[in-house]
Amino acid sequence: MIKKIAIVGPESTGKSTIAKQLAKYYQVPWVPEYSRYYCLALKHPCTIQDEVNMFHGQLALEQSVLAMTETDLVICDTTFLTVKIWSDAFFGETPQIVLDALPQNPYDFYVLLDIDLPWEDDPLRDFPNQREHFMEIWHNELTALGANYRVVAGIGEERFKNAVEVIDNFLIYSE
């Protein structure tokens, strides 16, 4: 059984950096964030259909990594729960296909990255002044899913070490 660990959180919390570091540390594959590549290619403002497309893309990317792995652990740089959060924020609703899929695609453990890092501008980031708001949303969404998660804080190497510690504890107690 492959354990899926999701690295999640608001914008500019270091998800991609930590996901890559963790995959290297545990010597396991990682699933990149599909929506970043999708949004970089957009030639128009994001629509609700784009959110559905990102949902399908993230799910397909994850399934392909899972199908090819020979390890018992995979690190996921975000999940399509992000599609729900962004759909709600931008469009006031979540596509039903996403809502239906959430309970059918659980993760074994979530690392929720704290908002203690300084904001880094990026053309794909939208809410530098709403980080607390989105952190609360992440807590609420993970709680609603009954997710097993821990918040990880810290700057630089400390953040990485804290992530390893919570994942190691999860792995020890999940056996």
N, C-alpha and C. Protein backbone atom coordinates (compact mmCIF):
# COMPACT_ATOMS: atom_id res chain seq x y z
N MET A 1 0.84 -1.19 0.00
CA MET A 1 0.00 0.00 0.00
C MET A 1 0.88 1.25 0.00
N ILE A 2 0.66 2.10 -0.96
CA ILE A 2 1.45 3.33 -1.08
C ILE A 2 0.82 4.40 -0.20
N LYS A 3 1.63 4.99 0.66
CA LYS A 3 1.17 6.09 1.49
C LYS A 3 1.39 7.39 0.72
N LYS A 4 0.35 8.22 0.71
CA LYS A 4 0.44 9.52 0.03
C LYS A 4 0.51 10.62 1.08
N ILE A 5 1.56 11.41 0.98
CA ILE A 5 1.73 12.55 1.88
C ILE A 5 1.58 13.82 1.04
N ALA A 6 0.65 14.67 1.44
CA ALA A 6 0.36 15.90 0.71
C ALA A 6 0.98 17.09 1.42
N ILE A 7 1.65 17.92 0.64
CA ILE A 7 2.23 19.16 1.15
C ILE A 7 1.29 20.27 0.69
N VAL A 8 0.62 20.92 1.63
CA VAL A 8 -0.43 21.89 1.30
C VAL A 8 -0.25 23.18 2.09
N GLY A 9 -1.03 24.18 1.69
CA GLY A 9 -1.02 25.44 2.43
C GLY A 9 -1.31 26.61 1.53
N PRO A 10 -1.43 27.79 2.13
CA PRO A 10 -1.67 29.01 1.37
C PRO A 10 -0.51 29.32 0.42
N GLU A 11 -0.70 30.36 -0.36
CA GLU A 11 0.33 30.78 -1.30
C GLU A 11 1.61 31.18 -0.57
N SER A 12 2.73 30.96 -1.25
CA SER A 12 4.03 31.43 -0.79
C SER A 12 4.42 30.86 0.57
N THR A 13 4.17 29.57 0.75
CA THR A 13 4.57 28.91 2.00
C THR A 13 5.66 27.87 1.77
N GLY A 14 6.14 27.76 0.54
CA GLY A 14 7.26 26.87 0.25
C GLY A 14 6.87 25.43 -0.07
N LYS A 15 5.66 25.22 -0.53
CA LYS A 15 5.18 23.85 -0.79
C LYS A 15 6.05 23.10 -1.80
N SER A 16 6.32 23.72 -2.93
CA SER A 16 7.10 23.04 -3.97
C SER A 16 8.53 22.76 -3.50
N THR A 17 9.12 23.71 -2.83
CA THR A 17 10.48 23.53 -2.32
C THR A 17 10.54 22.37 -1.34
N ILE A 18 9.63 22.37 -0.38
CA ILE A 18 9.62 21.31 0.64
C ILE A 18 9.29 19.96 0.01
N ALA A 19 8.34 19.93 -0.91
CA ALA A 19 7.97 18.66 -1.55
C ALA A 19 9.17 18.03 -2.24
N LYS A 20 9.92 18.82 -2.99
CA LYS A 20 11.12 18.31 -3.68
C LYS A 20 12.16 17.84 -2.67
N GLN A 21 12.37 18.63 -1.62
CA GLN A 21 13.36 18.26 -0.60
C GLN A 21 12.98 16.95 0.09
N LEU A 22 11.69 16.82 0.40
CA LEU A 22 11.23 15.61 1.08
C LEU A 22 11.35 14.38 0.19
N ALA A 23 11.01 14.53 -1.08
CA ALA A 23 11.12 13.41 -2.01
C ALA A 23 12.58 12.95 -2.12
N LYS A 24 13.48 13.91 -2.16
CA LYS A 24 14.91 13.57 -2.22
C LYS A 24 15.35 12.91 -0.92
N TYR A 25 14.95 13.46 0.20
CA TYR A 25 15.33 12.92 1.51
C TYR A 25 14.85 11.48 1.69
N TYR A 26 13.57 11.22 1.35
CA TYR A 26 13.00 9.88 1.52
C TYR A 26 13.27 8.98 0.32
N GLN A 27 13.89 9.52 -0.72
CA GLN A 27 14.20 8.80 -1.95
C GLN A 27 12.95 8.16 -2.55
N VAL A 28 11.93 9.01 -2.72
CA VAL A 28 10.65 8.58 -3.27
C VAL A 28 10.22 9.56 -4.36
N PRO A 29 9.29 9.17 -5.21
CA PRO A 29 8.79 10.11 -6.22
C PRO A 29 7.92 11.19 -5.60
N TRP A 30 7.80 12.27 -6.35
CA TRP A 30 6.90 13.35 -5.93
C TRP A 30 6.02 13.72 -7.10
N VAL A 31 4.84 14.21 -6.76
CA VAL A 31 3.87 14.65 -7.75
C VAL A 31 3.91 16.17 -7.76
N PRO A 32 4.34 16.78 -8.87
CA PRO A 32 4.37 18.25 -8.90
C PRO A 32 2.98 18.86 -8.95
N GLU A 33 2.92 20.15 -8.75
CA GLU A 33 1.66 20.89 -8.78
C GLU A 33 1.28 21.16 -10.24
N TYR A 34 0.28 20.46 -10.73
CA TYR A 34 -0.15 20.58 -12.13
C TYR A 34 -0.65 21.99 -12.46
N SER A 35 -1.36 22.60 -11.54
CA SER A 35 -1.99 23.89 -11.84
C SER A 35 -0.98 24.99 -12.15
N ARG A 36 0.22 24.91 -11.59
CA ARG A 36 1.24 25.92 -11.89
C ARG A 36 1.56 25.90 -13.38
N TYR A 37 1.77 24.73 -13.94
CA TYR A 37 2.09 24.61 -15.37
C TYR A 37 0.89 25.02 -16.22
N TYR A 38 -0.28 24.61 -15.78
CA TYR A 38 -1.50 24.94 -16.51
C TYR A 38 -1.69 26.46 -16.56
N CYS A 39 -1.58 27.11 -15.42
CA CYS A 39 -1.81 28.55 -15.35
C CYS A 39 -0.75 29.35 -16.11
N LEU A 40 0.47 28.86 -16.12
CA LEU A 40 1.51 29.56 -16.88
C LEU A 40 1.20 29.58 -18.37
N ALA A 41 0.45 28.59 -18.85
CA ALA A 41 0.11 28.52 -20.27
C ALA A 41 -1.20 29.24 -20.61
N LEU A 42 -1.96 29.67 -19.61
CA LEU A 42 -3.24 30.34 -19.88
C LEU A 42 -3.03 31.65 -20.63
N LYS A 43 -3.89 31.88 -21.58
CA LYS A 43 -3.84 33.12 -22.36
C LYS A 43 -5.04 34.01 -22.04
N HIS A 44 -5.82 33.61 -21.04
CA HIS A 44 -7.02 34.35 -20.64
C HIS A 44 -7.17 34.22 -19.13
N PRO A 45 -8.02 35.04 -18.50
CA PRO A 45 -8.25 34.87 -17.06
C PRO A 45 -8.82 33.47 -16.77
N CYS A 46 -8.44 32.95 -15.64
CA CYS A 46 -8.87 31.60 -15.24
C CYS A 46 -10.40 31.54 -15.11
N THR A 47 -10.97 30.46 -15.63
CA THR A 47 -12.42 30.25 -15.56
C THR A 47 -12.72 29.03 -14.69
N ILE A 48 -13.98 28.83 -14.39
CA ILE A 48 -14.38 27.64 -13.63
C ILE A 48 -14.04 26.37 -14.41
N GLN A 49 -14.12 26.43 -15.75
CA GLN A 49 -13.73 25.27 -16.57
C GLN A 49 -12.23 25.00 -16.43
N ASP A 50 -11.43 26.06 -16.33
CA ASP A 50 -10.01 25.86 -16.10
C ASP A 50 -9.77 25.15 -14.77
N GLU A 51 -10.56 25.50 -13.76
CA GLU A 51 -10.43 24.81 -12.47
C GLU A 51 -10.74 23.31 -12.62
N VAL A 52 -11.77 22.99 -13.38
CA VAL A 52 -12.10 21.58 -13.64
C VAL A 52 -10.95 20.91 -14.39
N ASN A 53 -10.38 21.60 -15.36
CA ASN A 53 -9.24 21.05 -16.10
C ASN A 53 -8.05 20.80 -15.17
N MET A 54 -7.82 21.72 -14.25
CA MET A 54 -6.71 21.55 -13.31
C MET A 54 -6.97 20.38 -12.37
N PHE A 55 -8.21 20.20 -11.96
CA PHE A 55 -8.59 19.04 -11.15
C PHE A 55 -8.23 17.76 -11.89
N HIS A 56 -8.69 17.64 -13.14
CA HIS A 56 -8.40 16.44 -13.93
C HIS A 56 -6.90 16.24 -14.12
N GLY A 57 -6.19 17.33 -14.40
CA GLY A 57 -4.75 17.24 -14.61
C GLY A 57 -4.00 16.79 -13.37
N GLN A 58 -4.35 17.37 -12.20
CA GLN A 58 -3.67 16.98 -10.96
C GLN A 58 -3.94 15.52 -10.64
N LEU A 59 -5.19 15.11 -10.79
CA LEU A 59 -5.55 13.72 -10.51
C LEU A 59 -4.83 12.76 -11.46
N ALA A 60 -4.80 13.08 -12.75
CA ALA A 60 -4.13 12.21 -13.73
C ALA A 60 -2.62 12.14 -13.47
N LEU A 61 -2.02 13.27 -13.14
CA LEU A 61 -0.58 13.30 -12.85
C LEU A 61 -0.28 12.44 -11.63
N GLU A 62 -1.08 12.60 -10.60
CA GLU A 62 -0.87 11.80 -9.39
C GLU A 62 -1.05 10.30 -9.68
N GLN A 63 -2.09 9.95 -10.40
CA GLN A 63 -2.34 8.54 -10.70
C GLN A 63 -1.22 7.94 -11.54
N SER A 64 -0.66 8.72 -12.44
CA SER A 64 0.44 8.19 -13.25
C SER A 64 1.69 7.96 -12.40
N VAL A 65 1.98 8.87 -11.48
CA VAL A 65 3.14 8.68 -10.60
C VAL A 65 2.91 7.46 -9.70
N LEU A 66 1.71 7.34 -9.16
CA LEU A 66 1.41 6.19 -8.30
C LEU A 66 1.52 4.87 -9.07
N ALA A 67 1.09 4.85 -10.31
CA ALA A 67 1.12 3.63 -11.11
C ALA A 67 2.55 3.20 -11.44
N MET A 68 3.46 4.17 -11.51
CA MET A 68 4.84 3.85 -11.90
C MET A 68 5.78 3.64 -10.72
N THR A 69 5.35 3.98 -9.51
CA THR A 69 6.28 3.92 -8.39
C THR A 69 6.46 2.50 -7.86
N GLU A 70 7.64 2.27 -7.37
CA GLU A 70 7.95 1.00 -6.72
C GLU A 70 8.21 1.21 -5.24
N THR A 71 7.92 2.40 -4.74
CA THR A 71 8.13 2.70 -3.34
C THR A 71 6.80 2.63 -2.60
N ASP A 72 6.88 2.68 -1.28
CA ASP A 72 5.65 2.64 -0.48
C ASP A 72 5.23 4.03 0.01
N LEU A 73 5.86 5.06 -0.57
CA LEU A 73 5.59 6.43 -0.16
C LEU A 73 5.70 7.35 -1.37
N VAL A 74 4.78 8.32 -1.47
CA VAL A 74 4.83 9.34 -2.52
C VAL A 74 4.54 10.68 -1.87
N ILE A 75 5.30 11.69 -2.26
CA ILE A 75 5.09 13.06 -1.78
C ILE A 75 4.32 13.82 -2.86
N CYS A 76 3.25 14.48 -2.46
CA CYS A 76 2.42 15.24 -3.40
C CYS A 76 2.53 16.73 -3.11
N ASP A 77 3.01 17.48 -4.11
CA ASP A 77 3.07 18.94 -4.00
C ASP A 77 1.67 19.46 -4.27
N THR A 78 0.93 19.62 -3.22
CA THR A 78 -0.47 20.04 -3.18
C THR A 78 -1.39 18.90 -3.61
N THR A 79 -2.68 19.17 -3.60
CA THR A 79 -3.71 18.21 -4.00
C THR A 79 -4.79 19.00 -4.72
N PHE A 80 -5.77 18.30 -5.25
CA PHE A 80 -6.83 19.04 -5.93
C PHE A 80 -7.81 19.67 -4.94
N LEU A 81 -7.57 19.54 -3.63
CA LEU A 81 -8.32 20.32 -2.65
C LEU A 81 -8.07 21.82 -2.92
N THR A 82 -6.91 22.11 -3.47
CA THR A 82 -6.60 23.49 -3.86
C THR A 82 -7.60 24.01 -4.88
N VAL A 83 -8.04 23.14 -5.78
CA VAL A 83 -9.05 23.54 -6.78
C VAL A 83 -10.32 23.98 -6.07
N LYS A 84 -10.71 23.26 -5.03
CA LYS A 84 -11.90 23.65 -4.27
C LYS A 84 -11.71 25.02 -3.63
N ILE A 85 -10.58 25.20 -2.99
CA ILE A 85 -10.31 26.46 -2.29
C ILE A 85 -10.29 27.64 -3.27
N TRP A 86 -9.62 27.48 -4.41
CA TRP A 86 -9.55 28.56 -5.39
C TRP A 86 -10.89 28.78 -6.08
N SER A 87 -11.60 27.71 -6.38
CA SER A 87 -12.92 27.87 -7.01
C SER A 87 -13.85 28.65 -6.10
N ASP A 88 -13.84 28.30 -4.82
CA ASP A 88 -14.67 29.03 -3.86
C ASP A 88 -14.26 30.50 -3.77
N ALA A 89 -12.95 30.75 -3.76
CA ALA A 89 -12.45 32.11 -3.62
C ALA A 89 -12.76 32.97 -4.85
N PHE A 90 -12.56 32.42 -6.03
CA PHE A 90 -12.71 33.20 -7.25
C PHE A 90 -14.13 33.19 -7.82
N PHE A 91 -14.83 32.05 -7.67
CA PHE A 91 -16.12 31.89 -8.34
C PHE A 91 -17.29 31.68 -7.39
N GLY A 92 -17.00 31.55 -6.09
CA GLY A 92 -18.07 31.39 -5.11
C GLY A 92 -18.69 30.00 -5.09
N GLU A 93 -18.09 29.06 -5.80
CA GLU A 93 -18.60 27.69 -5.83
C GLU A 93 -17.51 26.75 -6.27
N THR A 94 -17.73 25.47 -5.99
CA THR A 94 -16.82 24.42 -6.41
C THR A 94 -17.55 23.50 -7.37
N PRO A 95 -16.92 23.14 -8.49
CA PRO A 95 -17.56 22.21 -9.41
C PRO A 95 -17.90 20.89 -8.70
N GLN A 96 -19.05 20.35 -8.99
CA GLN A 96 -19.54 19.15 -8.31
C GLN A 96 -18.58 17.97 -8.49
N ILE A 97 -17.95 17.87 -9.63
CA ILE A 97 -17.02 16.77 -9.87
C ILE A 97 -15.88 16.78 -8.85
N VAL A 98 -15.45 17.96 -8.46
CA VAL A 98 -14.38 18.10 -7.47
C VAL A 98 -14.91 17.70 -6.09
N LEU A 99 -16.08 18.19 -5.74
CA LEU A 99 -16.68 17.84 -4.44
C LEU A 99 -16.89 16.32 -4.32
N ASP A 100 -17.35 15.71 -5.39
CA ASP A 100 -17.58 14.26 -5.38
C ASP A 100 -16.28 13.47 -5.24
N ALA A 101 -15.21 13.98 -5.82
CA ALA A 101 -13.94 13.25 -5.83
C ALA A 101 -13.16 13.39 -4.52
N LEU A 102 -13.37 14.46 -3.77
CA LEU A 102 -12.57 14.70 -2.57
C LEU A 102 -12.59 13.52 -1.59
N PRO A 103 -13.74 13.01 -1.19
CA PRO A 103 -13.70 11.89 -0.23
C PRO A 103 -13.22 10.57 -0.85
N GLN A 104 -13.20 10.49 -2.16
CA GLN A 104 -12.78 9.27 -2.84
C GLN A 104 -11.27 9.21 -3.08
N ASN A 105 -10.58 10.30 -2.82
CA ASN A 105 -9.13 10.38 -3.07
C ASN A 105 -8.40 10.90 -1.85
N PRO A 106 -8.44 10.14 -0.76
CA PRO A 106 -7.81 10.63 0.47
C PRO A 106 -6.28 10.53 0.42
N TYR A 107 -5.67 11.30 1.27
CA TYR A 107 -4.23 11.24 1.48
C TYR A 107 -4.03 10.72 2.89
N ASP A 108 -2.94 10.03 3.08
CA ASP A 108 -2.69 9.42 4.38
C ASP A 108 -2.27 10.45 5.42
N PHE A 109 -1.61 11.50 4.95
CA PHE A 109 -1.11 12.52 5.87
C PHE A 109 -0.92 13.82 5.10
N TYR A 110 -1.23 14.91 5.76
CA TYR A 110 -1.06 16.24 5.17
C TYR A 110 -0.09 17.04 6.02
N VAL A 111 0.86 17.70 5.36
CA VAL A 111 1.74 18.67 5.99
C VAL A 111 1.22 20.03 5.56
N LEU A 112 0.64 20.76 6.50
CA LEU A 112 0.10 22.09 6.24
C LEU A 112 1.18 23.11 6.59
N LEU A 113 1.73 23.77 5.57
CA LEU A 113 2.80 24.72 5.80
C LEU A 113 2.26 26.05 6.29
N ASP A 114 2.89 26.54 7.33
CA ASP A 114 2.46 27.77 7.99
C ASP A 114 2.82 28.99 7.14
N ILE A 115 2.23 30.10 7.48
CA ILE A 115 2.41 31.35 6.75
C ILE A 115 3.52 32.21 7.36
N ASP A 116 4.47 31.57 8.02
CA ASP A 116 5.55 32.31 8.68
C ASP A 116 6.69 32.70 7.74
N LEU A 117 6.66 32.24 6.50
CA LEU A 117 7.68 32.66 5.53
C LEU A 117 7.31 34.03 4.97
N PRO A 118 8.30 34.82 4.60
CA PRO A 118 7.99 36.10 3.95
C PRO A 118 7.31 35.85 2.60
N TRP A 119 6.41 36.72 2.23
CA TRP A 119 5.72 36.63 0.95
C TRP A 119 6.73 36.82 -0.18
N GLU A 120 6.64 35.98 -1.20
CA GLU A 120 7.45 36.14 -2.41
C GLU A 120 6.51 36.39 -3.58
N ASP A 121 6.71 37.51 -4.25
CA ASP A 121 5.88 37.82 -5.41
C ASP A 121 6.08 36.79 -6.50
N ASP A 122 4.99 36.51 -7.19
CA ASP A 122 4.97 35.54 -8.28
C ASP A 122 3.75 35.90 -9.11
N PRO A 123 3.85 35.87 -10.43
CA PRO A 123 2.70 36.24 -11.26
C PRO A 123 1.47 35.36 -11.03
N LEU A 124 1.66 34.18 -10.44
CA LEU A 124 0.53 33.27 -10.21
C LEU A 124 -0.02 33.37 -8.79
N ARG A 125 0.47 34.28 -8.01
CA ARG A 125 -0.02 34.46 -6.64
C ARG A 125 -0.90 35.70 -6.57
N ASP A 126 -2.00 35.57 -5.80
CA ASP A 126 -3.02 36.62 -5.84
C ASP A 126 -3.33 37.31 -4.52
N PHE A 127 -3.01 36.72 -3.39
CA PHE A 127 -3.55 37.23 -2.14
C PHE A 127 -2.48 37.45 -1.06
N PRO A 128 -1.57 38.39 -1.27
CA PRO A 128 -0.53 38.61 -0.26
C PRO A 128 -1.07 39.12 1.07
N ASN A 129 -2.22 39.74 1.06
CA ASN A 129 -2.78 40.30 2.30
C ASN A 129 -3.88 39.45 2.92
N GLN A 130 -4.04 38.24 2.43
CA GLN A 130 -5.09 37.36 2.96
C GLN A 130 -4.54 36.01 3.40
N ARG A 131 -3.30 36.00 3.80
CA ARG A 131 -2.67 34.73 4.16
C ARG A 131 -3.33 34.10 5.39
N GLU A 132 -3.67 34.91 6.39
CA GLU A 132 -4.34 34.37 7.59
C GLU A 132 -5.70 33.77 7.21
N HIS A 133 -6.40 34.47 6.35
CA HIS A 133 -7.71 34.00 5.89
C HIS A 133 -7.58 32.63 5.22
N PHE A 134 -6.62 32.50 4.32
CA PHE A 134 -6.47 31.22 3.61
C PHE A 134 -5.91 30.13 4.52
N MET A 135 -5.12 30.49 5.51
CA MET A 135 -4.65 29.48 6.47
C MET A 135 -5.85 28.92 7.23
N GLU A 136 -6.75 29.78 7.63
CA GLU A 136 -7.97 29.32 8.31
C GLU A 136 -8.80 28.41 7.39
N ILE A 137 -8.88 28.78 6.13
CA ILE A 137 -9.62 27.94 5.18
C ILE A 137 -8.98 26.56 5.08
N TRP A 138 -7.67 26.51 5.00
CA TRP A 138 -7.00 25.20 4.94
C TRP A 138 -7.31 24.36 6.17
N HIS A 139 -7.24 24.98 7.35
CA HIS A 139 -7.61 24.24 8.57
C HIS A 139 -9.04 23.72 8.47
N ASN A 140 -9.95 24.57 8.05
CA ASN A 140 -11.37 24.17 7.96
C ASN A 140 -11.58 23.05 6.96
N GLU A 141 -10.96 23.16 5.80
CA GLU A 141 -11.13 22.13 4.76
C GLU A 141 -10.54 20.79 5.19
N LEU A 142 -9.36 20.82 5.78
CA LEU A 142 -8.74 19.58 6.23
C LEU A 142 -9.55 18.94 7.36
N THR A 143 -10.06 19.77 8.25
CA THR A 143 -10.90 19.26 9.33
C THR A 143 -12.18 18.65 8.77
N ALA A 144 -12.79 19.31 7.80
CA ALA A 144 -14.02 18.79 7.19
C ALA A 144 -13.79 17.44 6.52
N LEU A 145 -12.59 17.21 6.00
CA LEU A 145 -12.27 15.92 5.38
C LEU A 145 -11.90 14.86 6.41
N GLY A 146 -11.74 15.27 7.66
CA GLY A 146 -11.26 14.33 8.68
C GLY A 146 -9.81 13.97 8.44
N ALA A 147 -9.06 14.89 7.86
CA ALA A 147 -7.67 14.63 7.47
C ALA A 147 -6.74 14.56 8.68
N ASN A 148 -5.77 13.69 8.56
CA ASN A 148 -4.68 13.61 9.51
C ASN A 148 -3.63 14.62 9.04
N TYR A 149 -3.44 15.70 9.80
CA TYR A 149 -2.49 16.72 9.36
C TYR A 149 -1.79 17.37 10.53
N ARG A 150 -0.64 17.96 10.22
CA ARG A 150 0.12 18.74 11.18
C ARG A 150 0.59 20.01 10.49
N VAL A 151 0.65 21.08 11.25
CA VAL A 151 1.18 22.35 10.75
C VAL A 151 2.69 22.34 10.94
N VAL A 152 3.39 22.79 9.91
CA VAL A 152 4.85 22.88 9.96
C VAL A 152 5.25 24.32 9.73
N ALA A 153 6.07 24.83 10.63
CA ALA A 153 6.58 26.19 10.55
C ALA A 153 8.10 26.14 10.54
N GLY A 154 8.70 27.31 10.45
CA GLY A 154 10.15 27.41 10.48
C GLY A 154 10.69 28.00 9.19
N ILE A 155 11.86 28.58 9.30
CA ILE A 155 12.49 29.22 8.15
C ILE A 155 13.67 28.35 7.70
N GLY A 156 13.79 28.18 6.39
CA GLY A 156 14.94 27.47 5.81
C GLY A 156 15.02 26.02 6.27
N GLU A 157 16.21 25.64 6.69
CA GLU A 157 16.48 24.25 7.08
C GLU A 157 15.59 23.81 8.25
N GLU A 158 15.25 24.74 9.13
CA GLU A 158 14.37 24.41 10.25
C GLU A 158 13.00 23.93 9.75
N ARG A 159 12.47 24.55 8.72
CA ARG A 159 11.18 24.15 8.16
C ARG A 159 11.26 22.73 7.62
N PHE A 160 12.33 22.45 6.88
CA PHE A 160 12.53 21.11 6.34
C PHE A 160 12.64 20.08 7.47
N LYS A 161 13.44 20.36 8.46
CA LYS A 161 13.61 19.42 9.59
C LYS A 161 12.29 19.20 10.32
N ASN A 162 11.50 20.25 10.48
CA ASN A 162 10.20 20.11 11.14
C ASN A 162 9.26 19.24 10.30
N ALA A 163 9.33 19.38 8.98
CA ALA A 163 8.51 18.55 8.10
C ALA A 163 8.93 17.08 8.21
N VAL A 164 10.22 16.83 8.20
CA VAL A 164 10.71 15.46 8.35
C VAL A 164 10.25 14.87 9.68
N GLU A 165 10.31 15.66 10.73
CA GLU A 165 9.91 15.17 12.05
C GLU A 165 8.43 14.74 12.08
N VAL A 166 7.55 15.56 11.53
CA VAL A 166 6.13 15.19 11.57
C VAL A 166 5.84 14.00 10.66
N ILE A 167 6.54 13.92 9.54
CA ILE A 167 6.34 12.78 8.64
C ILE A 167 6.90 11.51 9.27
N ASP A 168 8.08 11.59 9.87
CA ASP A 168 8.64 10.41 10.56
C ASP A 168 7.70 9.92 11.65
N ASN A 169 7.15 10.84 12.42
CA ASN A 169 6.19 10.44 13.46
C ASN A 169 4.97 9.78 12.85
N PHE A 170 4.45 10.33 11.77
CA PHE A 170 3.33 9.71 11.08
C PHE A 170 3.69 8.29 10.63
N LEU A 171 4.84 8.15 10.00
CA LEU A 171 5.26 6.83 9.47
C LEU A 171 5.43 5.81 10.58
N ILE A 172 5.99 6.23 11.70
CA ILE A 172 6.20 5.32 12.83
C ILE A 172 4.86 4.84 13.38
N TYR A 173 3.93 5.78 13.56
CA TYR A 173 2.66 5.42 14.19
C TYR A 173 1.62 4.87 13.24
N SER A 174 1.92 4.87 11.94
CA SER A 174 0.93 4.35 10.98
C SER A 174 1.22 2.90 10.60
N GLU A 175 2.30 2.35 11.13
CA GLU A 175 2.64 0.96 10.79
C GLU A 175 1.88 -0.03 11.63
